[in-house]
N, C-alpha and C. Protein backbone atom coordinates (compact mmCIF):
# COMPACT_ATOMS: atom_id res chain seq x y z
N MET A 1 -9.31 -5.89 37.03
CA MET A 1 -9.15 -4.87 36.00
C MET A 1 -9.38 -3.50 36.61
N GLU A 2 -8.51 -2.56 36.28
CA GLU A 2 -8.63 -1.22 36.83
C GLU A 2 -9.79 -0.49 36.19
N GLN A 3 -10.40 0.39 36.96
CA GLN A 3 -11.53 1.17 36.46
C GLN A 3 -11.05 2.58 36.12
N TYR A 4 -11.42 3.05 34.95
CA TYR A 4 -11.08 4.39 34.52
C TYR A 4 -12.36 5.16 34.26
N THR A 5 -12.24 6.46 34.14
CA THR A 5 -13.42 7.26 33.80
C THR A 5 -13.89 6.87 32.41
N ALA A 6 -15.13 7.16 32.11
CA ALA A 6 -15.71 6.79 30.81
C ALA A 6 -14.91 7.37 29.63
N PRO A 7 -14.49 8.66 29.69
CA PRO A 7 -13.73 9.19 28.55
C PRO A 7 -12.38 8.49 28.35
N ILE A 8 -11.71 8.14 29.44
CA ILE A 8 -10.43 7.44 29.31
C ILE A 8 -10.65 6.03 28.78
N THR A 9 -11.66 5.36 29.29
CA THR A 9 -11.99 4.02 28.80
C THR A 9 -12.28 4.04 27.30
N LYS A 10 -13.05 5.04 26.88
CA LYS A 10 -13.38 5.17 25.45
C LYS A 10 -12.11 5.42 24.63
N LEU A 11 -11.21 6.27 25.12
CA LEU A 11 -9.96 6.55 24.41
C LEU A 11 -9.11 5.29 24.29
N ILE A 12 -9.03 4.52 25.36
CA ILE A 12 -8.29 3.25 25.34
C ILE A 12 -8.90 2.31 24.31
N GLU A 13 -10.22 2.20 24.30
CA GLU A 13 -10.91 1.33 23.34
C GLU A 13 -10.62 1.74 21.90
N GLU A 14 -10.61 3.06 21.64
CA GLU A 14 -10.35 3.55 20.28
C GLU A 14 -8.91 3.27 19.86
N PHE A 15 -7.94 3.49 20.76
CA PHE A 15 -6.55 3.18 20.43
C PHE A 15 -6.37 1.69 20.19
N ALA A 16 -7.07 0.86 20.96
CA ALA A 16 -6.94 -0.59 20.84
C ALA A 16 -7.46 -1.11 19.49
N LYS A 17 -8.26 -0.32 18.79
CA LYS A 17 -8.76 -0.71 17.47
C LYS A 17 -7.69 -0.59 16.39
N LEU A 18 -6.61 0.15 16.68
CA LEU A 18 -5.54 0.34 15.69
C LEU A 18 -4.75 -0.95 15.53
N PRO A 19 -4.27 -1.23 14.30
CA PRO A 19 -3.51 -2.47 14.09
C PRO A 19 -2.21 -2.48 14.90
N GLY A 20 -1.93 -3.61 15.52
CA GLY A 20 -0.70 -3.76 16.28
C GLY A 20 -0.72 -3.14 17.66
N ILE A 21 -1.87 -2.58 18.06
CA ILE A 21 -1.98 -1.94 19.38
C ILE A 21 -2.81 -2.84 20.29
N GLY A 22 -2.16 -3.39 21.30
CA GLY A 22 -2.86 -4.20 22.29
C GLY A 22 -3.42 -3.31 23.40
N ARG A 23 -4.07 -3.93 24.34
CA ARG A 23 -4.71 -3.19 25.44
C ARG A 23 -3.70 -2.38 26.26
N LYS A 24 -2.56 -2.97 26.58
CA LYS A 24 -1.55 -2.26 27.39
C LYS A 24 -1.00 -1.05 26.65
N THR A 25 -0.69 -1.22 25.37
CA THR A 25 -0.18 -0.09 24.57
C THR A 25 -1.26 0.97 24.44
N ALA A 26 -2.50 0.55 24.26
CA ALA A 26 -3.61 1.50 24.15
C ALA A 26 -3.72 2.32 25.44
N GLN A 27 -3.54 1.68 26.59
CA GLN A 27 -3.57 2.40 27.86
C GLN A 27 -2.44 3.42 27.95
N ARG A 28 -1.24 2.99 27.55
CA ARG A 28 -0.09 3.91 27.57
C ARG A 28 -0.34 5.12 26.68
N LEU A 29 -0.87 4.88 25.48
CA LEU A 29 -1.17 5.98 24.56
C LEU A 29 -2.23 6.91 25.14
N ALA A 30 -3.26 6.33 25.71
CA ALA A 30 -4.34 7.13 26.28
C ALA A 30 -3.81 8.03 27.40
N PHE A 31 -3.01 7.47 28.28
CA PHE A 31 -2.47 8.28 29.38
C PHE A 31 -1.44 9.29 28.90
N TYR A 32 -0.74 8.96 27.82
CA TYR A 32 0.18 9.93 27.23
C TYR A 32 -0.61 11.14 26.71
N VAL A 33 -1.72 10.86 26.03
CA VAL A 33 -2.56 11.95 25.50
C VAL A 33 -3.13 12.78 26.65
N ILE A 34 -3.56 12.13 27.72
CA ILE A 34 -4.10 12.86 28.88
C ILE A 34 -3.05 13.80 29.47
N ASP A 35 -1.79 13.38 29.47
CA ASP A 35 -0.71 14.19 30.03
C ASP A 35 -0.19 15.28 29.08
N MET A 36 -0.61 15.23 27.81
CA MET A 36 -0.16 16.24 26.85
C MET A 36 -0.78 17.60 27.19
N LYS A 37 -0.13 18.67 26.71
CA LYS A 37 -0.69 20.01 26.86
C LYS A 37 -1.91 20.13 25.96
N GLY A 38 -2.82 20.98 26.37
CA GLY A 38 -4.08 21.16 25.62
C GLY A 38 -3.89 21.45 24.15
N ASN A 39 -2.95 22.38 23.83
CA ASN A 39 -2.74 22.74 22.42
C ASN A 39 -2.13 21.58 21.63
N GLU A 40 -1.33 20.73 22.29
CA GLU A 40 -0.75 19.57 21.61
C GLU A 40 -1.83 18.54 21.26
N VAL A 41 -2.78 18.37 22.16
CA VAL A 41 -3.89 17.44 21.91
C VAL A 41 -4.74 17.95 20.75
N VAL A 42 -4.99 19.25 20.74
CA VAL A 42 -5.78 19.85 19.65
C VAL A 42 -5.06 19.65 18.31
N GLU A 43 -3.73 19.86 18.27
CA GLU A 43 -2.97 19.68 17.04
C GLU A 43 -2.99 18.22 16.58
N LEU A 44 -2.87 17.29 17.53
CA LEU A 44 -2.96 15.87 17.19
C LEU A 44 -4.33 15.54 16.60
N ALA A 45 -5.37 16.01 17.25
CA ALA A 45 -6.74 15.76 16.76
C ALA A 45 -6.94 16.37 15.38
N LYS A 46 -6.43 17.60 15.19
CA LYS A 46 -6.55 18.27 13.87
C LYS A 46 -5.81 17.48 12.80
N ALA A 47 -4.61 17.00 13.13
CA ALA A 47 -3.82 16.24 12.17
C ALA A 47 -4.56 14.97 11.74
N ILE A 48 -5.19 14.29 12.69
CA ILE A 48 -5.95 13.08 12.36
C ILE A 48 -7.14 13.41 11.47
N VAL A 49 -7.90 14.43 11.86
CA VAL A 49 -9.09 14.81 11.08
C VAL A 49 -8.69 15.27 9.68
N ASN A 50 -7.65 16.11 9.57
CA ASN A 50 -7.22 16.62 8.26
C ASN A 50 -6.67 15.51 7.37
N ALA A 51 -5.92 14.59 7.95
CA ALA A 51 -5.40 13.48 7.15
C ALA A 51 -6.55 12.67 6.55
N LYS A 52 -7.58 12.45 7.35
CA LYS A 52 -8.73 11.69 6.85
C LYS A 52 -9.54 12.49 5.84
N LYS A 53 -9.74 13.78 6.12
CA LYS A 53 -10.60 14.63 5.29
C LYS A 53 -9.94 15.03 3.97
N LEU A 54 -8.64 15.31 3.99
CA LEU A 54 -7.97 15.88 2.83
C LEU A 54 -7.26 14.86 1.94
N THR A 55 -7.20 13.61 2.38
CA THR A 55 -6.50 12.59 1.60
C THR A 55 -7.49 11.77 0.80
N LYS A 56 -7.16 11.55 -0.47
CA LYS A 56 -8.00 10.71 -1.32
C LYS A 56 -7.09 9.86 -2.21
N HIS A 57 -7.69 9.00 -3.02
CA HIS A 57 -6.91 8.13 -3.90
C HIS A 57 -6.71 8.79 -5.26
N CYS A 58 -5.49 8.64 -5.78
CA CYS A 58 -5.16 9.13 -7.12
C CYS A 58 -6.09 8.46 -8.13
N LYS A 59 -6.64 9.26 -9.03
CA LYS A 59 -7.56 8.72 -10.03
C LYS A 59 -6.86 7.80 -11.01
N THR A 60 -5.54 7.96 -11.16
CA THR A 60 -4.80 7.14 -12.10
C THR A 60 -4.34 5.83 -11.49
N CYS A 61 -3.60 5.91 -10.37
CA CYS A 61 -2.93 4.71 -9.84
C CYS A 61 -3.50 4.19 -8.52
N GLY A 62 -4.24 5.00 -7.78
CA GLY A 62 -4.78 4.56 -6.50
C GLY A 62 -3.92 4.93 -5.31
N ASN A 63 -2.80 5.65 -5.53
CA ASN A 63 -1.95 6.11 -4.44
C ASN A 63 -2.69 7.17 -3.64
N LEU A 64 -2.19 7.53 -2.47
CA LEU A 64 -2.80 8.60 -1.69
C LEU A 64 -2.32 9.96 -2.19
N THR A 65 -3.22 10.92 -2.20
CA THR A 65 -2.90 12.26 -2.69
C THR A 65 -3.88 13.27 -2.11
N GLU A 66 -3.55 14.53 -2.24
CA GLU A 66 -4.49 15.59 -1.87
C GLU A 66 -5.26 16.06 -3.09
N GLY A 67 -4.67 15.93 -4.27
CA GLY A 67 -5.31 16.37 -5.51
C GLY A 67 -5.93 15.20 -6.25
N ASP A 68 -6.18 15.41 -7.55
CA ASP A 68 -6.77 14.35 -8.35
C ASP A 68 -5.76 13.27 -8.71
N ILE A 69 -4.50 13.69 -8.95
CA ILE A 69 -3.46 12.70 -9.24
C ILE A 69 -2.30 12.89 -8.28
N CYS A 70 -1.59 11.82 -8.01
CA CYS A 70 -0.48 11.87 -7.04
C CYS A 70 0.77 12.47 -7.68
N ASN A 71 1.75 12.74 -6.85
CA ASN A 71 3.01 13.34 -7.32
C ASN A 71 3.75 12.43 -8.29
N ILE A 72 3.62 11.12 -8.14
CA ILE A 72 4.33 10.20 -9.03
C ILE A 72 3.68 10.20 -10.41
N CYS A 73 2.36 10.09 -10.47
CA CYS A 73 1.67 10.10 -11.77
C CYS A 73 1.82 11.45 -12.47
N GLY A 74 1.92 12.51 -11.69
CA GLY A 74 2.06 13.85 -12.25
C GLY A 74 3.48 14.23 -12.62
N ASN A 75 4.45 13.35 -12.33
CA ASN A 75 5.86 13.63 -12.61
C ASN A 75 6.20 13.15 -14.02
N PHE A 76 6.44 14.09 -14.93
CA PHE A 76 6.70 13.74 -16.32
C PHE A 76 8.09 13.13 -16.53
N LYS A 77 8.92 13.12 -15.49
CA LYS A 77 10.25 12.51 -15.59
C LYS A 77 10.18 11.00 -15.34
N ARG A 78 9.04 10.51 -14.85
CA ARG A 78 8.89 9.08 -14.61
C ARG A 78 8.73 8.35 -15.94
N ASP A 79 9.16 7.11 -15.98
CA ASP A 79 9.05 6.26 -17.17
C ASP A 79 7.64 5.68 -17.22
N ASN A 80 6.80 6.20 -18.12
CA ASN A 80 5.41 5.74 -18.17
C ASN A 80 5.22 4.47 -18.99
N SER A 81 6.34 3.83 -19.40
CA SER A 81 6.23 2.57 -20.13
C SER A 81 6.24 1.36 -19.18
N ILE A 82 6.53 1.62 -17.90
CA ILE A 82 6.58 0.53 -16.91
C ILE A 82 5.62 0.85 -15.77
N ILE A 83 4.81 -0.12 -15.39
CA ILE A 83 3.90 0.02 -14.26
C ILE A 83 4.21 -1.08 -13.25
N CYS A 84 4.47 -0.69 -12.02
CA CYS A 84 4.72 -1.64 -10.94
C CYS A 84 3.43 -1.78 -10.12
N VAL A 85 2.91 -2.98 -10.06
CA VAL A 85 1.65 -3.25 -9.36
C VAL A 85 1.95 -3.68 -7.94
N VAL A 86 1.38 -2.95 -6.97
CA VAL A 86 1.58 -3.25 -5.54
C VAL A 86 0.22 -3.46 -4.87
N GLU A 87 0.25 -4.08 -3.70
CA GLU A 87 -0.99 -4.34 -2.97
C GLU A 87 -1.51 -3.13 -2.23
N ASP A 88 -0.61 -2.33 -1.68
CA ASP A 88 -0.99 -1.30 -0.71
C ASP A 88 -0.18 -0.02 -0.98
N VAL A 89 -0.75 1.12 -0.62
CA VAL A 89 -0.04 2.40 -0.85
C VAL A 89 1.28 2.46 -0.07
N ARG A 90 1.36 1.77 1.06
CA ARG A 90 2.61 1.77 1.84
C ARG A 90 3.74 1.09 1.08
N ASP A 91 3.40 0.19 0.17
CA ASP A 91 4.42 -0.48 -0.63
C ASP A 91 5.13 0.50 -1.57
N ILE A 92 4.42 1.52 -2.01
CA ILE A 92 5.04 2.53 -2.88
C ILE A 92 6.17 3.23 -2.14
N ALA A 93 5.91 3.64 -0.91
CA ALA A 93 6.96 4.32 -0.13
C ALA A 93 8.17 3.42 0.04
N SER A 94 7.95 2.14 0.27
CA SER A 94 9.05 1.20 0.41
C SER A 94 9.85 1.09 -0.89
N MET A 95 9.15 0.98 -2.01
CA MET A 95 9.82 0.88 -3.31
C MET A 95 10.58 2.18 -3.64
N GLU A 96 10.00 3.30 -3.31
CA GLU A 96 10.64 4.58 -3.61
C GLU A 96 11.93 4.79 -2.82
N ARG A 97 12.01 4.19 -1.64
CA ARG A 97 13.23 4.33 -0.84
C ARG A 97 14.45 3.72 -1.52
N THR A 98 14.25 2.80 -2.46
CA THR A 98 15.39 2.20 -3.16
C THR A 98 16.05 3.21 -4.10
N LYS A 99 15.29 4.22 -4.53
CA LYS A 99 15.76 5.23 -5.48
C LYS A 99 16.22 4.62 -6.81
N GLU A 100 15.79 3.41 -7.10
CA GLU A 100 16.17 2.71 -8.33
C GLU A 100 15.05 2.67 -9.35
N TYR A 101 13.83 2.53 -8.89
CA TYR A 101 12.69 2.38 -9.80
C TYR A 101 12.19 3.75 -10.21
N ARG A 102 12.06 3.98 -11.52
CA ARG A 102 11.64 5.29 -12.02
C ARG A 102 10.35 5.22 -12.83
N GLY A 103 9.66 4.10 -12.81
CA GLY A 103 8.41 3.96 -13.54
C GLY A 103 7.22 4.43 -12.72
N LEU A 104 6.03 4.01 -13.14
CA LEU A 104 4.79 4.36 -12.46
C LEU A 104 4.33 3.19 -11.59
N TYR A 105 3.28 3.42 -10.83
CA TYR A 105 2.74 2.40 -9.93
C TYR A 105 1.26 2.19 -10.20
N HIS A 106 0.77 1.08 -9.66
CA HIS A 106 -0.68 0.84 -9.62
C HIS A 106 -0.96 0.11 -8.31
N VAL A 107 -1.87 0.66 -7.51
CA VAL A 107 -2.19 0.09 -6.20
C VAL A 107 -3.49 -0.71 -6.30
N LEU A 108 -3.41 -1.97 -5.91
CA LEU A 108 -4.58 -2.85 -5.97
C LEU A 108 -5.53 -2.66 -4.79
N HIS A 109 -5.03 -2.18 -3.67
CA HIS A 109 -5.81 -2.05 -2.43
C HIS A 109 -6.31 -3.40 -1.96
N GLY A 110 -5.41 -4.39 -2.00
CA GLY A 110 -5.74 -5.71 -1.51
C GLY A 110 -5.29 -6.79 -2.46
N THR A 111 -5.71 -8.00 -2.17
CA THR A 111 -5.40 -9.16 -3.01
C THR A 111 -6.64 -10.03 -3.13
N ILE A 112 -6.61 -10.89 -4.12
CA ILE A 112 -7.70 -11.85 -4.29
C ILE A 112 -7.61 -12.86 -3.15
N SER A 113 -8.71 -13.03 -2.44
CA SER A 113 -8.75 -13.96 -1.32
C SER A 113 -10.16 -14.55 -1.21
N PRO A 114 -10.41 -15.65 -1.93
CA PRO A 114 -11.75 -16.25 -1.93
C PRO A 114 -12.27 -16.59 -0.54
N LEU A 115 -11.37 -17.01 0.37
CA LEU A 115 -11.82 -17.36 1.72
C LEU A 115 -12.37 -16.15 2.47
N ASP A 116 -11.90 -14.95 2.11
CA ASP A 116 -12.39 -13.72 2.73
C ASP A 116 -13.46 -13.05 1.88
N GLY A 117 -13.88 -13.71 0.80
CA GLY A 117 -14.91 -13.15 -0.07
C GLY A 117 -14.40 -12.02 -0.96
N ILE A 118 -13.09 -11.97 -1.20
CA ILE A 118 -12.52 -10.91 -2.04
C ILE A 118 -12.12 -11.51 -3.38
N GLY A 119 -12.84 -11.10 -4.42
CA GLY A 119 -12.54 -11.56 -5.77
C GLY A 119 -11.89 -10.44 -6.57
N PRO A 120 -11.64 -10.68 -7.85
CA PRO A 120 -11.00 -9.67 -8.70
C PRO A 120 -11.76 -8.35 -8.78
N ASP A 121 -13.08 -8.40 -8.67
CA ASP A 121 -13.88 -7.18 -8.77
C ASP A 121 -13.80 -6.31 -7.52
N GLU A 122 -13.32 -6.87 -6.41
CA GLU A 122 -13.24 -6.11 -5.16
C GLU A 122 -11.91 -5.36 -5.01
N ILE A 123 -10.96 -5.63 -5.89
CA ILE A 123 -9.70 -4.88 -5.84
C ILE A 123 -9.53 -4.11 -7.15
N ASN A 124 -8.52 -3.28 -7.23
CA ASN A 124 -8.35 -2.30 -8.32
C ASN A 124 -7.68 -2.89 -9.56
N ILE A 125 -8.27 -3.96 -10.13
CA ILE A 125 -7.69 -4.59 -11.32
C ILE A 125 -8.23 -3.96 -12.60
N LYS A 126 -9.51 -3.67 -12.66
CA LYS A 126 -10.11 -3.11 -13.88
C LYS A 126 -9.42 -1.81 -14.30
N ASN A 127 -9.12 -0.97 -13.31
CA ASN A 127 -8.44 0.30 -13.61
C ASN A 127 -7.05 0.04 -14.16
N LEU A 128 -6.37 -1.00 -13.66
CA LEU A 128 -5.04 -1.35 -14.19
C LEU A 128 -5.14 -1.72 -15.66
N ILE A 129 -6.07 -2.58 -16.00
CA ILE A 129 -6.22 -3.02 -17.39
C ILE A 129 -6.53 -1.84 -18.29
N SER A 130 -7.34 -0.89 -17.81
CA SER A 130 -7.67 0.28 -18.62
C SER A 130 -6.47 1.20 -18.84
N ARG A 131 -5.44 1.09 -17.99
CA ARG A 131 -4.23 1.91 -18.14
C ARG A 131 -3.25 1.35 -19.17
N LEU A 132 -3.45 0.12 -19.58
CA LEU A 132 -2.48 -0.54 -20.46
C LEU A 132 -2.70 -0.13 -21.91
N ASN A 133 -2.02 0.93 -22.30
CA ASN A 133 -2.09 1.41 -23.68
C ASN A 133 -0.84 0.98 -24.43
N GLU A 134 -0.71 1.44 -25.66
CA GLU A 134 0.42 1.01 -26.47
C GLU A 134 1.77 1.50 -25.95
N GLY A 135 1.77 2.48 -25.05
CA GLY A 135 3.03 2.98 -24.50
C GLY A 135 3.57 2.11 -23.38
N VAL A 136 2.74 1.26 -22.79
CA VAL A 136 3.18 0.41 -21.68
C VAL A 136 3.84 -0.84 -22.25
N THR A 137 5.11 -1.06 -21.87
CA THR A 137 5.86 -2.22 -22.38
C THR A 137 6.08 -3.29 -21.34
N GLU A 138 5.97 -2.92 -20.04
CA GLU A 138 6.20 -3.91 -18.99
C GLU A 138 5.32 -3.62 -17.78
N VAL A 139 4.79 -4.68 -17.19
CA VAL A 139 4.07 -4.60 -15.92
C VAL A 139 4.83 -5.47 -14.94
N ILE A 140 5.27 -4.86 -13.84
CA ILE A 140 6.00 -5.58 -12.79
C ILE A 140 5.01 -5.93 -11.69
N LEU A 141 4.87 -7.20 -11.39
CA LEU A 141 3.97 -7.63 -10.33
C LEU A 141 4.75 -7.69 -9.02
N ALA A 142 4.46 -6.77 -8.13
CA ALA A 142 5.18 -6.66 -6.86
C ALA A 142 4.24 -6.91 -5.69
N THR A 143 3.39 -7.91 -5.85
CA THR A 143 2.54 -8.29 -4.73
C THR A 143 3.38 -9.09 -3.74
N ASN A 144 2.92 -9.15 -2.51
CA ASN A 144 3.67 -9.85 -1.47
C ASN A 144 3.74 -11.35 -1.79
N PRO A 145 4.83 -12.01 -1.38
CA PRO A 145 4.97 -13.45 -1.65
C PRO A 145 4.18 -14.31 -0.66
N THR A 146 2.87 -14.08 -0.63
CA THR A 146 1.96 -14.86 0.18
C THR A 146 1.06 -15.64 -0.79
N ILE A 147 0.25 -16.53 -0.26
CA ILE A 147 -0.65 -17.29 -1.13
C ILE A 147 -1.57 -16.33 -1.89
N GLU A 148 -2.13 -15.34 -1.19
CA GLU A 148 -3.03 -14.39 -1.84
C GLU A 148 -2.28 -13.51 -2.85
N GLY A 149 -1.08 -13.08 -2.48
CA GLY A 149 -0.27 -12.26 -3.39
C GLY A 149 0.10 -13.01 -4.65
N GLU A 150 0.47 -14.28 -4.50
CA GLU A 150 0.81 -15.11 -5.66
C GLU A 150 -0.42 -15.35 -6.54
N ALA A 151 -1.56 -15.65 -5.93
CA ALA A 151 -2.79 -15.89 -6.70
C ALA A 151 -3.18 -14.64 -7.48
N THR A 152 -3.03 -13.48 -6.85
CA THR A 152 -3.36 -12.21 -7.51
C THR A 152 -2.42 -11.97 -8.67
N ALA A 153 -1.12 -12.25 -8.48
CA ALA A 153 -0.13 -12.06 -9.54
C ALA A 153 -0.43 -12.97 -10.73
N VAL A 154 -0.77 -14.22 -10.46
CA VAL A 154 -1.09 -15.16 -11.53
C VAL A 154 -2.32 -14.68 -12.30
N TYR A 155 -3.35 -14.25 -11.58
CA TYR A 155 -4.58 -13.78 -12.21
C TYR A 155 -4.30 -12.58 -13.13
N ILE A 156 -3.55 -11.60 -12.62
CA ILE A 156 -3.25 -10.40 -13.40
C ILE A 156 -2.39 -10.76 -14.61
N SER A 157 -1.42 -11.65 -14.41
CA SER A 157 -0.56 -12.08 -15.51
C SER A 157 -1.37 -12.67 -16.65
N ARG A 158 -2.35 -13.49 -16.30
CA ARG A 158 -3.19 -14.13 -17.33
C ARG A 158 -4.05 -13.12 -18.08
N LEU A 159 -4.38 -12.00 -17.44
CA LEU A 159 -5.14 -10.95 -18.12
C LEU A 159 -4.26 -10.14 -19.07
N ILE A 160 -3.01 -9.90 -18.67
CA ILE A 160 -2.13 -8.99 -19.40
C ILE A 160 -1.36 -9.66 -20.54
N LYS A 161 -0.90 -10.89 -20.33
CA LYS A 161 -0.06 -11.56 -21.34
C LYS A 161 -0.68 -11.56 -22.74
N PRO A 162 -1.98 -11.82 -22.91
CA PRO A 162 -2.55 -11.81 -24.27
C PRO A 162 -2.47 -10.43 -24.96
N LEU A 163 -2.22 -9.38 -24.18
CA LEU A 163 -2.11 -8.04 -24.76
C LEU A 163 -0.73 -7.78 -25.35
N GLY A 164 0.19 -8.73 -25.19
CA GLY A 164 1.53 -8.58 -25.75
C GLY A 164 2.45 -7.72 -24.89
N ILE A 165 2.08 -7.48 -23.66
CA ILE A 165 2.89 -6.67 -22.74
C ILE A 165 3.71 -7.62 -21.88
N LYS A 166 5.00 -7.30 -21.71
CA LYS A 166 5.88 -8.11 -20.87
C LYS A 166 5.41 -8.03 -19.43
N VAL A 167 5.26 -9.19 -18.79
CA VAL A 167 4.85 -9.26 -17.39
C VAL A 167 5.99 -9.89 -16.61
N THR A 168 6.49 -9.16 -15.59
CA THR A 168 7.56 -9.69 -14.75
C THR A 168 7.09 -9.74 -13.31
N ARG A 169 7.78 -10.54 -12.52
CA ARG A 169 7.47 -10.68 -11.10
C ARG A 169 8.73 -10.33 -10.34
N ILE A 170 8.62 -9.54 -9.28
CA ILE A 170 9.83 -9.22 -8.53
C ILE A 170 10.42 -10.51 -7.98
N ALA A 171 11.75 -10.53 -7.90
CA ALA A 171 12.43 -11.71 -7.38
C ALA A 171 12.10 -11.86 -5.90
N HIS A 172 12.28 -13.05 -5.41
CA HIS A 172 11.94 -13.30 -4.03
C HIS A 172 13.10 -13.02 -3.09
N GLY A 173 13.65 -11.82 -3.19
CA GLY A 173 14.60 -11.36 -2.20
C GLY A 173 13.82 -11.06 -0.93
N ILE A 174 12.54 -10.92 -1.08
CA ILE A 174 11.64 -10.69 0.05
C ILE A 174 11.21 -12.06 0.54
N PRO A 175 11.33 -12.33 1.82
CA PRO A 175 11.00 -13.67 2.32
C PRO A 175 9.53 -14.02 2.11
N VAL A 176 9.27 -15.28 1.84
CA VAL A 176 7.90 -15.75 1.68
C VAL A 176 7.16 -15.51 2.99
N GLY A 177 5.99 -14.93 2.88
CA GLY A 177 5.21 -14.59 4.06
C GLY A 177 5.52 -13.19 4.58
N GLY A 178 6.54 -12.53 3.99
CA GLY A 178 6.90 -11.18 4.42
C GLY A 178 6.10 -10.13 3.67
N ASP A 179 6.17 -8.89 4.13
CA ASP A 179 5.49 -7.79 3.49
C ASP A 179 6.51 -6.82 2.92
N ILE A 180 6.23 -6.29 1.74
CA ILE A 180 7.12 -5.31 1.11
C ILE A 180 7.32 -4.12 2.03
N GLU A 181 6.28 -3.73 2.72
CA GLU A 181 6.32 -2.56 3.60
C GLU A 181 7.48 -2.63 4.60
N TYR A 182 7.84 -3.84 5.04
CA TYR A 182 8.86 -3.99 6.07
C TYR A 182 10.24 -4.37 5.52
N ALA A 183 10.37 -4.49 4.21
CA ALA A 183 11.66 -4.86 3.61
C ALA A 183 12.59 -3.65 3.57
N ASP A 184 13.88 -3.92 3.73
CA ASP A 184 14.85 -2.82 3.65
C ASP A 184 15.14 -2.49 2.19
N GLU A 185 15.81 -1.36 1.98
CA GLU A 185 16.07 -0.86 0.63
C GLU A 185 16.89 -1.82 -0.22
N LEU A 186 17.92 -2.43 0.37
CA LEU A 186 18.79 -3.34 -0.37
C LEU A 186 18.01 -4.57 -0.83
N THR A 187 17.19 -5.12 0.05
CA THR A 187 16.38 -6.29 -0.32
C THR A 187 15.44 -5.94 -1.46
N LEU A 188 14.80 -4.77 -1.37
CA LEU A 188 13.88 -4.35 -2.44
C LEU A 188 14.63 -4.10 -3.74
N MET A 189 15.82 -3.49 -3.66
CA MET A 189 16.60 -3.23 -4.86
C MET A 189 16.98 -4.55 -5.55
N ARG A 190 17.43 -5.54 -4.75
CA ARG A 190 17.79 -6.85 -5.31
C ARG A 190 16.56 -7.55 -5.90
N ALA A 191 15.44 -7.41 -5.24
CA ALA A 191 14.21 -8.03 -5.74
C ALA A 191 13.81 -7.42 -7.08
N MET A 192 13.97 -6.11 -7.23
CA MET A 192 13.63 -5.45 -8.50
C MET A 192 14.62 -5.87 -9.59
N GLU A 193 15.91 -5.92 -9.26
CA GLU A 193 16.93 -6.31 -10.24
C GLU A 193 16.74 -7.75 -10.69
N GLY A 194 16.31 -8.62 -9.78
CA GLY A 194 16.17 -10.04 -10.09
C GLY A 194 14.79 -10.43 -10.57
N ARG A 195 13.96 -9.46 -10.93
CA ARG A 195 12.61 -9.82 -11.40
C ARG A 195 12.71 -10.66 -12.65
N ARG A 196 11.70 -11.49 -12.86
CA ARG A 196 11.70 -12.40 -13.98
C ARG A 196 10.38 -12.31 -14.74
N GLU A 197 10.41 -12.75 -15.97
CA GLU A 197 9.19 -12.74 -16.76
C GLU A 197 8.21 -13.74 -16.17
N PHE A 198 6.97 -13.37 -16.14
CA PHE A 198 5.94 -14.18 -15.50
C PHE A 198 5.16 -14.96 -16.52
């Protein structure tokens, strides 16, 4: 194993903590940063710090925002009678790329996973239930088609159905085991069109 200075080793270790970044990629990134101009490194560092410091979760839906509510919740042109429930904020960006869905969102920030010690109280379900007023006519469950995503969808469906609100599940145009984040626009559009009552 090659020996690097302590600062470079630390930089490699920090990059390697990022998802999808192995040791070799972490080394490439570290050396790329070392070769950058001083002002470029400062701008990169500022961008990272500002993104972390200035970004928070929307009080309504859980999306990322700089203010109290996100641009989607604050947009009065959106259809507030439909709420699409997703696992992660990145799923919203994927759904928005279809340019077909005009309702609101709700981000769970995870799924129910008993093996990992994650129950309904550890994800954003209570806030969803509190949003269901008489104006909401449909809740679309757009969790990933994984065991955890399906279990979460079933749990939420059982909470909402007694309220008389239509509960639908996106069609499985998305492959089982796949993530919404990586689906293309056409697949997502077909999945939304083919959703069914849950």
